[in-house]
Amino acid sequence: MTAQQPLVTVLMPAYNAAGYIADAARSVFAQGIDDLELLVIDDGSTDGCIGELTALGDRRIRVVSQANAGLVAALNRGLDEATGTFIARMDADDLLPEGRLLAQLRWM
């Protein structure tokens, strides 16, 4: 995460997303926007997915862990924790198409 408020928070709830989450994070970092945070709400994962994410070693990753409470609770927690001016939402098993965030920012 940047020292000041990032332009974009990418909010990613995660529950047992091993095998997917690292690629999802890489797709965020390939957007061409450095001024962002990837806020991952770990909803009680037990499969090591957060270790896969941490192994990427990117300072823009911020993980907030909570006991398993479901998707809606994870998203609400993420909205409370987000620090970006804008919030983009994605799942831990999705990939962001190249240029998505830039296109959305330009449109806004």
N, C-alpha and C. Protein backbone atom coordinates (compact mmCIF):
# COMPACT_ATOMS: atom_id res chain seq x y z
N MET A 1 0.84 -1.17 0.00
CA MET A 1 0.00 0.00 0.00
C MET A 1 0.88 1.24 0.00
N THR A 2 0.48 2.27 -0.70
CA THR A 2 1.25 3.50 -0.72
C THR A 2 1.14 4.21 0.62
N ALA A 3 2.11 5.10 0.91
CA ALA A 3 2.12 5.81 2.19
C ALA A 3 0.95 6.78 2.29
N GLN A 4 0.49 7.30 1.20
CA GLN A 4 -0.67 8.20 1.21
C GLN A 4 -1.87 7.46 0.62
N GLN A 5 -2.99 8.13 0.62
CA GLN A 5 -4.22 7.53 0.10
C GLN A 5 -4.04 7.14 -1.36
N PRO A 6 -4.27 5.86 -1.70
CA PRO A 6 -4.13 5.45 -3.09
C PRO A 6 -5.30 5.95 -3.93
N LEU A 7 -5.08 6.06 -5.21
CA LEU A 7 -6.15 6.45 -6.11
C LEU A 7 -7.24 5.38 -6.16
N VAL A 8 -6.82 4.11 -6.24
CA VAL A 8 -7.77 3.01 -6.37
C VAL A 8 -7.50 1.94 -5.32
N THR A 9 -8.57 1.49 -4.68
CA THR A 9 -8.54 0.28 -3.88
C THR A 9 -9.22 -0.81 -4.69
N VAL A 10 -8.50 -1.89 -4.95
CA VAL A 10 -9.12 -3.06 -5.57
C VAL A 10 -9.51 -3.98 -4.42
N LEU A 11 -10.80 -4.15 -4.23
CA LEU A 11 -11.34 -4.92 -3.12
C LEU A 11 -11.57 -6.36 -3.57
N MET A 12 -10.88 -7.28 -2.90
CA MET A 12 -10.94 -8.69 -3.27
C MET A 12 -11.25 -9.54 -2.04
N PRO A 13 -12.48 -9.99 -1.88
CA PRO A 13 -12.76 -10.97 -0.83
C PRO A 13 -12.16 -12.32 -1.22
N ALA A 14 -11.65 -13.05 -0.25
CA ALA A 14 -11.02 -14.33 -0.57
C ALA A 14 -11.41 -15.38 0.45
N TYR A 15 -11.82 -16.52 -0.06
CA TYR A 15 -12.06 -17.69 0.79
C TYR A 15 -11.58 -18.91 0.03
N ASN A 16 -10.50 -19.50 0.51
CA ASN A 16 -9.94 -20.72 -0.07
C ASN A 16 -9.75 -20.60 -1.58
N ALA A 17 -8.95 -19.63 -1.98
CA ALA A 17 -8.70 -19.36 -3.40
C ALA A 17 -7.30 -19.77 -3.85
N ALA A 18 -6.71 -20.74 -3.16
CA ALA A 18 -5.38 -21.21 -3.56
C ALA A 18 -5.43 -21.69 -5.00
N GLY A 19 -4.36 -21.38 -5.73
CA GLY A 19 -4.29 -21.77 -7.13
C GLY A 19 -4.84 -20.71 -8.07
N TYR A 20 -5.52 -19.71 -7.52
CA TYR A 20 -6.12 -18.65 -8.33
C TYR A 20 -5.67 -17.26 -7.90
N ILE A 21 -5.52 -17.06 -6.60
CA ILE A 21 -5.37 -15.70 -6.06
C ILE A 21 -4.10 -14.99 -6.54
N ALA A 22 -3.00 -15.71 -6.72
CA ALA A 22 -1.76 -15.06 -7.17
C ALA A 22 -1.93 -14.53 -8.59
N ASP A 23 -2.55 -15.31 -9.47
CA ASP A 23 -2.80 -14.83 -10.84
C ASP A 23 -3.77 -13.65 -10.83
N ALA A 24 -4.76 -13.70 -9.96
CA ALA A 24 -5.70 -12.58 -9.86
C ALA A 24 -4.95 -11.31 -9.45
N ALA A 25 -4.08 -11.43 -8.47
CA ALA A 25 -3.30 -10.27 -8.02
C ALA A 25 -2.39 -9.77 -9.13
N ARG A 26 -1.73 -10.66 -9.83
CA ARG A 26 -0.85 -10.24 -10.93
C ARG A 26 -1.63 -9.46 -11.99
N SER A 27 -2.88 -9.86 -12.23
CA SER A 27 -3.69 -9.14 -13.22
C SER A 27 -4.02 -7.73 -12.74
N VAL A 28 -4.11 -7.54 -11.44
CA VAL A 28 -4.32 -6.20 -10.89
C VAL A 28 -3.07 -5.36 -11.10
N PHE A 29 -1.92 -5.94 -10.81
CA PHE A 29 -0.66 -5.19 -10.91
C PHE A 29 -0.25 -4.94 -12.35
N ALA A 30 -0.84 -5.62 -13.30
CA ALA A 30 -0.53 -5.42 -14.72
C ALA A 30 -1.43 -4.37 -15.36
N GLN A 31 -2.20 -3.65 -14.57
CA GLN A 31 -3.14 -2.67 -15.09
C GLN A 31 -2.49 -1.37 -15.54
N GLY A 32 -1.24 -1.16 -15.16
CA GLY A 32 -0.58 0.08 -15.55
C GLY A 32 -0.85 1.22 -14.58
N ILE A 33 -1.37 0.90 -13.41
CA ILE A 33 -1.63 1.89 -12.38
C ILE A 33 -0.84 1.49 -11.14
N ASP A 34 0.10 2.32 -10.75
CA ASP A 34 0.88 2.01 -9.56
C ASP A 34 0.22 2.54 -8.29
N ASP A 35 -0.61 3.55 -8.44
CA ASP A 35 -1.24 4.21 -7.30
C ASP A 35 -2.51 3.47 -6.89
N LEU A 36 -2.29 2.24 -6.38
CA LEU A 36 -3.43 1.44 -5.95
C LEU A 36 -3.03 0.57 -4.77
N GLU A 37 -4.05 0.08 -4.09
CA GLU A 37 -3.85 -0.96 -3.10
C GLU A 37 -4.74 -2.13 -3.48
N LEU A 38 -4.24 -3.32 -3.27
CA LEU A 38 -5.03 -4.53 -3.41
C LEU A 38 -5.42 -4.93 -2.00
N LEU A 39 -6.67 -4.69 -1.66
CA LEU A 39 -7.18 -4.99 -0.33
C LEU A 39 -7.88 -6.34 -0.38
N VAL A 40 -7.26 -7.32 0.27
CA VAL A 40 -7.81 -8.67 0.29
C VAL A 40 -8.43 -8.92 1.66
N ILE A 41 -9.70 -9.24 1.66
CA ILE A 41 -10.37 -9.60 2.89
C ILE A 41 -10.38 -11.13 2.96
N ASP A 42 -9.54 -11.66 3.82
CA ASP A 42 -9.43 -13.11 4.01
C ASP A 42 -10.57 -13.55 4.91
N ASP A 43 -11.53 -14.23 4.33
CA ASP A 43 -12.74 -14.64 5.04
C ASP A 43 -12.56 -16.04 5.65
N GLY A 44 -11.51 -16.18 6.44
CA GLY A 44 -11.28 -17.43 7.15
C GLY A 44 -10.72 -18.56 6.31
N SER A 45 -9.92 -18.24 5.31
CA SER A 45 -9.35 -19.27 4.43
C SER A 45 -8.50 -20.26 5.21
N THR A 46 -8.53 -21.51 4.75
CA THR A 46 -7.75 -22.58 5.39
C THR A 46 -6.83 -23.29 4.42
N ASP A 47 -6.75 -22.81 3.18
CA ASP A 47 -6.01 -23.53 2.13
C ASP A 47 -4.66 -22.93 1.77
N GLY A 48 -4.20 -21.93 2.48
CA GLY A 48 -2.90 -21.35 2.17
C GLY A 48 -2.91 -20.29 1.09
N CYS A 49 -4.07 -19.85 0.66
CA CYS A 49 -4.12 -18.86 -0.42
C CYS A 49 -3.46 -17.54 -0.02
N ILE A 50 -3.56 -17.17 1.23
CA ILE A 50 -2.96 -15.90 1.65
C ILE A 50 -1.44 -16.00 1.60
N GLY A 51 -0.88 -17.16 1.87
CA GLY A 51 0.56 -17.38 1.72
C GLY A 51 0.99 -17.21 0.28
N GLU A 52 0.18 -17.70 -0.67
CA GLU A 52 0.49 -17.51 -2.10
C GLU A 52 0.51 -16.03 -2.45
N LEU A 53 -0.40 -15.30 -1.89
CA LEU A 53 -0.49 -13.87 -2.15
C LEU A 53 0.69 -13.13 -1.53
N THR A 54 1.00 -13.45 -0.30
CA THR A 54 2.11 -12.81 0.40
C THR A 54 3.44 -13.09 -0.30
N ALA A 55 3.57 -14.27 -0.88
CA ALA A 55 4.81 -14.64 -1.57
C ALA A 55 5.10 -13.73 -2.76
N LEU A 56 4.10 -13.02 -3.26
CA LEU A 56 4.33 -12.09 -4.36
C LEU A 56 5.20 -10.91 -3.92
N GLY A 57 5.18 -10.59 -2.64
CA GLY A 57 6.05 -9.56 -2.09
C GLY A 57 5.76 -8.16 -2.58
N ASP A 58 4.54 -7.87 -2.94
CA ASP A 58 4.21 -6.54 -3.45
C ASP A 58 3.69 -5.66 -2.31
N ARG A 59 4.28 -4.49 -2.16
CA ARG A 59 3.92 -3.58 -1.07
C ARG A 59 2.49 -3.06 -1.17
N ARG A 60 1.87 -3.19 -2.33
CA ARG A 60 0.51 -2.69 -2.51
C ARG A 60 -0.56 -3.65 -2.01
N ILE A 61 -0.15 -4.83 -1.58
CA ILE A 61 -1.09 -5.81 -1.06
C ILE A 61 -1.33 -5.54 0.42
N ARG A 62 -2.60 -5.49 0.80
CA ARG A 62 -2.97 -5.38 2.21
C ARG A 62 -4.01 -6.45 2.49
N VAL A 63 -3.73 -7.30 3.47
CA VAL A 63 -4.64 -8.38 3.83
C VAL A 63 -5.26 -8.07 5.19
N VAL A 64 -6.57 -8.18 5.24
CA VAL A 64 -7.32 -8.07 6.48
C VAL A 64 -8.01 -9.41 6.68
N SER A 65 -7.74 -10.05 7.81
CA SER A 65 -8.30 -11.37 8.07
C SER A 65 -9.48 -11.27 9.02
N GLN A 66 -10.45 -12.14 8.78
CA GLN A 66 -11.60 -12.23 9.67
C GLN A 66 -12.06 -13.69 9.69
N ALA A 67 -12.84 -14.04 10.72
CA ALA A 67 -13.45 -15.37 10.77
C ALA A 67 -14.43 -15.48 9.62
N ASN A 68 -14.61 -16.69 9.11
CA ASN A 68 -15.51 -16.90 7.98
C ASN A 68 -16.91 -16.39 8.30
N ALA A 69 -17.35 -15.42 7.50
CA ALA A 69 -18.67 -14.82 7.70
C ALA A 69 -19.44 -14.69 6.40
N GLY A 70 -18.83 -15.09 5.29
CA GLY A 70 -19.51 -15.03 4.01
C GLY A 70 -19.13 -13.82 3.17
N LEU A 71 -19.55 -13.86 1.91
CA LEU A 71 -19.17 -12.85 0.93
C LEU A 71 -19.65 -11.45 1.31
N VAL A 72 -20.89 -11.31 1.69
CA VAL A 72 -21.42 -9.98 2.00
C VAL A 72 -20.68 -9.35 3.17
N ALA A 73 -20.42 -10.13 4.20
CA ALA A 73 -19.68 -9.61 5.36
C ALA A 73 -18.26 -9.22 4.95
N ALA A 74 -17.63 -10.01 4.09
CA ALA A 74 -16.28 -9.69 3.64
C ALA A 74 -16.28 -8.40 2.82
N LEU A 75 -17.26 -8.24 1.95
CA LEU A 75 -17.34 -7.01 1.16
C LEU A 75 -17.60 -5.79 2.05
N ASN A 76 -18.49 -5.93 3.00
CA ASN A 76 -18.75 -4.81 3.91
C ASN A 76 -17.52 -4.45 4.71
N ARG A 77 -16.79 -5.45 5.16
CA ARG A 77 -15.53 -5.18 5.87
C ARG A 77 -14.56 -4.45 4.96
N GLY A 78 -14.48 -4.89 3.71
CA GLY A 78 -13.60 -4.24 2.75
C GLY A 78 -13.96 -2.79 2.51
N LEU A 79 -15.24 -2.50 2.42
CA LEU A 79 -15.67 -1.11 2.25
C LEU A 79 -15.25 -0.26 3.45
N ASP A 80 -15.32 -0.85 4.64
CA ASP A 80 -14.87 -0.13 5.83
C ASP A 80 -13.37 0.10 5.84
N GLU A 81 -12.61 -0.84 5.29
CA GLU A 81 -11.15 -0.80 5.33
C GLU A 81 -10.51 -0.06 4.15
N ALA A 82 -11.23 0.10 3.06
CA ALA A 82 -10.67 0.69 1.84
C ALA A 82 -10.21 2.12 2.09
N THR A 83 -9.08 2.48 1.48
CA THR A 83 -8.55 3.83 1.63
C THR A 83 -8.47 4.59 0.31
N GLY A 84 -8.76 3.93 -0.80
CA GLY A 84 -8.65 4.57 -2.10
C GLY A 84 -9.76 5.58 -2.37
N THR A 85 -9.48 6.48 -3.28
CA THR A 85 -10.49 7.43 -3.74
C THR A 85 -11.58 6.69 -4.50
N PHE A 86 -11.20 5.69 -5.29
CA PHE A 86 -12.13 4.86 -6.04
C PHE A 86 -11.98 3.41 -5.57
N ILE A 87 -13.06 2.65 -5.69
CA ILE A 87 -13.04 1.24 -5.33
C ILE A 87 -13.43 0.41 -6.54
N ALA A 88 -12.59 -0.58 -6.84
CA ALA A 88 -12.89 -1.56 -7.88
C ALA A 88 -13.06 -2.89 -7.18
N ARG A 89 -13.98 -3.69 -7.65
CA ARG A 89 -14.30 -4.95 -7.00
C ARG A 89 -13.95 -6.11 -7.92
N MET A 90 -13.33 -7.13 -7.36
CA MET A 90 -13.08 -8.35 -8.12
C MET A 90 -13.01 -9.54 -7.19
N ASP A 91 -13.23 -10.73 -7.74
CA ASP A 91 -13.14 -11.95 -6.97
C ASP A 91 -11.72 -12.50 -7.02
N ALA A 92 -11.40 -13.35 -6.06
CA ALA A 92 -10.05 -13.90 -5.94
C ALA A 92 -9.75 -14.93 -7.02
N ASP A 93 -10.75 -15.36 -7.77
CA ASP A 93 -10.51 -16.32 -8.85
C ASP A 93 -10.76 -15.71 -10.23
N ASP A 94 -10.79 -14.37 -10.28
CA ASP A 94 -10.99 -13.66 -11.55
C ASP A 94 -9.68 -13.04 -12.03
N LEU A 95 -9.66 -12.67 -13.29
CA LEU A 95 -8.55 -11.92 -13.87
C LEU A 95 -9.09 -10.62 -14.41
N LEU A 96 -8.41 -9.51 -14.15
CA LEU A 96 -8.80 -8.23 -14.72
C LEU A 96 -8.31 -8.16 -16.15
N PRO A 97 -9.18 -7.86 -17.10
CA PRO A 97 -8.71 -7.67 -18.47
C PRO A 97 -7.74 -6.49 -18.53
N GLU A 98 -6.73 -6.60 -19.35
CA GLU A 98 -5.73 -5.53 -19.49
C GLU A 98 -6.43 -4.21 -19.83
N GLY A 99 -6.10 -3.17 -19.10
CA GLY A 99 -6.64 -1.84 -19.36
C GLY A 99 -7.97 -1.54 -18.70
N ARG A 100 -8.55 -2.49 -17.98
CA ARG A 100 -9.87 -2.25 -17.38
C ARG A 100 -9.87 -1.05 -16.45
N LEU A 101 -8.93 -1.01 -15.50
CA LEU A 101 -8.94 0.08 -14.52
C LEU A 101 -8.68 1.43 -15.17
N LEU A 102 -7.75 1.48 -16.10
CA LEU A 102 -7.47 2.74 -16.79
C LEU A 102 -8.70 3.22 -17.56
N ALA A 103 -9.39 2.32 -18.24
CA ALA A 103 -10.60 2.69 -18.98
C ALA A 103 -11.67 3.22 -18.03
N GLN A 104 -11.83 2.57 -16.88
CA GLN A 104 -12.85 3.03 -15.94
C GLN A 104 -12.48 4.39 -15.35
N LEU A 105 -11.20 4.58 -15.04
CA LEU A 105 -10.78 5.88 -14.50
C LEU A 105 -10.95 6.99 -15.52
N ARG A 106 -10.62 6.71 -16.77
CA ARG A 106 -10.80 7.73 -17.83
C ARG A 106 -12.27 8.09 -17.99
N TRP A 107 -13.13 7.10 -17.91
CA TRP A 107 -14.55 7.34 -18.07
C TRP A 107 -15.10 8.21 -16.93
N MET A 108 -14.59 7.99 -15.72
CA MET A 108 -15.05 8.78 -14.58
C MET A 108 -14.45 10.16 -14.61
